Protein backbone atom coordinates (compact mmCIF):
# COMPACT_ATOMS: atom_id res chain seq x y z
CA UNK A 1 11.05 -13.20 6.58
CA UNK A 2 11.76 -12.25 2.98
CA UNK A 3 12.35 -8.68 1.84
CA UNK A 4 8.92 -8.46 0.18
CA UNK A 5 7.28 -9.63 3.41
CA UNK A 6 9.23 -7.00 5.36
CA UNK A 7 7.98 -4.29 2.97
CA UNK A 8 4.40 -5.52 3.31
CA UNK A 9 4.76 -5.48 7.10
CA UNK A 10 5.84 -1.84 6.90
CA UNK A 11 2.96 -0.96 4.55
CA UNK A 12 0.50 -2.51 7.00
CA UNK A 13 1.49 0.24 9.46
CA UNK A 14 -0.05 2.89 7.17
CA UNK A 15 -3.73 3.54 7.74
CA UNK A 16 -6.18 5.25 5.44
CA UNK A 17 -7.15 8.55 7.09
CA UNK A 18 -10.86 8.07 6.37
CA UNK A 19 -11.20 4.31 6.92
CA UNK A 20 -9.73 2.65 10.04
CA UNK A 21 -7.96 -0.10 8.05
CA UNK A 22 -4.36 -0.29 6.85
CA UNK A 23 -3.78 0.35 3.16
CA UNK A 24 -2.60 -3.20 2.45
CA UNK A 25 -5.72 -4.87 3.86
CA UNK A 26 -7.80 -2.17 2.18
CA UNK A 27 -6.50 -3.43 -1.16
CA UNK A 28 -4.72 -0.23 -2.17
CA UNK A 29 -1.41 -2.01 -2.78
CA UNK A 30 -1.67 -3.84 -6.08
CA UNK A 31 1.87 -5.19 -6.40
CA UNK A 32 5.21 -5.27 -4.59
CA UNK A 33 8.27 -6.42 -6.53
CA UNK A 34 11.81 -6.60 -5.21
CA UNK A 35 14.90 -6.73 -7.39
CA UNK A 36 18.06 -6.82 -5.26
CA UNK A 37 17.95 -3.56 -3.26
CA UNK A 38 15.13 -1.92 -5.24
CA UNK A 39 11.38 -2.16 -4.58
CA UNK A 40 8.67 -1.38 -7.10
CA UNK A 41 5.23 -0.79 -5.66
CA UNK A 42 2.01 -0.32 -7.63
CA UNK A 43 -0.78 1.23 -5.64
CA UNK A 44 -4.05 3.05 -6.03
CA UNK A 45 -6.32 5.24 -3.94
CA UNK A 46 -9.96 4.80 -3.04
CA UNK A 47 -10.72 7.63 -5.49
CA UNK A 48 -8.78 10.10 -7.66
CA UNK A 49 -10.10 12.89 -5.40
CA UNK A 50 -8.71 11.25 -2.27
CA UNK A 51 -7.43 13.96 0.13
CA UNK A 52 -4.12 12.10 0.59
CA UNK A 53 -3.42 11.70 -3.14
CA UNK A 54 -0.17 13.63 -2.82
CA UNK A 55 1.01 12.45 0.58
CA UNK A 56 0.11 8.74 0.63
CA UNK A 57 2.48 7.61 -2.17
CA UNK A 58 5.34 9.39 -0.40
CA UNK A 59 4.37 7.70 2.87
CA UNK A 60 4.39 4.33 1.08
CA UNK A 61 7.87 5.04 -0.31
CA UNK A 62 9.19 6.19 3.06
CA UNK A 63 7.78 3.08 4.76
CA UNK A 64 9.33 0.71 2.22
CA UNK A 65 12.66 2.50 2.70
CA UNK A 66 12.54 1.45 6.38
CA UNK A 67 13.43 -2.08 5.26
CA UNK A 68 17.17 -2.40 5.78
CA UNK A 69 17.86 -4.23 2.51
CA UNK A 70 16.10 -1.62 0.36
CA UNK A 71 18.05 1.28 -1.13
CA UNK A 72 15.57 2.56 -3.72
CA UNK A 73 11.77 2.54 -4.03
CA UNK A 74 9.61 3.39 -7.03
CA UNK A 75 5.94 3.92 -6.26
CA UNK A 76 3.56 3.97 -9.20
CA UNK A 77 0.07 5.31 -8.65
CA UNK A 78 -2.34 3.49 -10.98
CA UNK A 79 -6.08 3.80 -11.62
CA UNK A 80 -6.62 0.58 -13.55
CA UNK A 81 -8.22 -1.48 -12.26
CA UNK A 82 -10.23 1.04 -10.26
CA UNK A 83 -10.41 0.29 -6.55
CA UNK A 84 -13.62 -1.25 -5.24
CA UNK A 85 -14.66 -2.64 -1.86
CA UNK A 86 -14.22 -6.12 -3.34
CA UNK A 87 -10.43 -5.59 -3.22
CA UNK A 88 -10.43 -5.43 0.56
CA UNK A 89 -9.22 -8.45 2.50
CA UNK A 90 -11.70 -10.46 4.55
CA UNK A 91 -10.09 -9.02 7.69
CA UNK A 92 -10.74 -5.46 6.46
CA UNK A 93 -14.35 -6.28 5.57
CA UNK A 94 -14.85 -7.78 9.00
CA UNK A 95 -13.33 -4.69 10.65
CA UNK A 96 -15.76 -2.47 8.72
CA UNK A 97 -18.75 -4.79 9.24
CA UNK A 98 -19.17 -5.41 5.50
């Protein structure tokens, strides 16, 4: 398993507090890049008023840091493109009966 795949596996352990789906399948993770021992993660939230706006990016960083090969993680919270239900994986849509 590559380093990026290990990071994604860790991110799939984080669940949205309001929706019973992990944040990766929910489509909140836009990009994961790895350069040697550094990870760069672009993510969004379901809305700017999300109650976990302050804590979720930190949780994403802490989870990515669980990967042995990673020494540094930058998490960028972005709002463009805005999140929509269309960004959810088929598995997430199935879980939510959409």
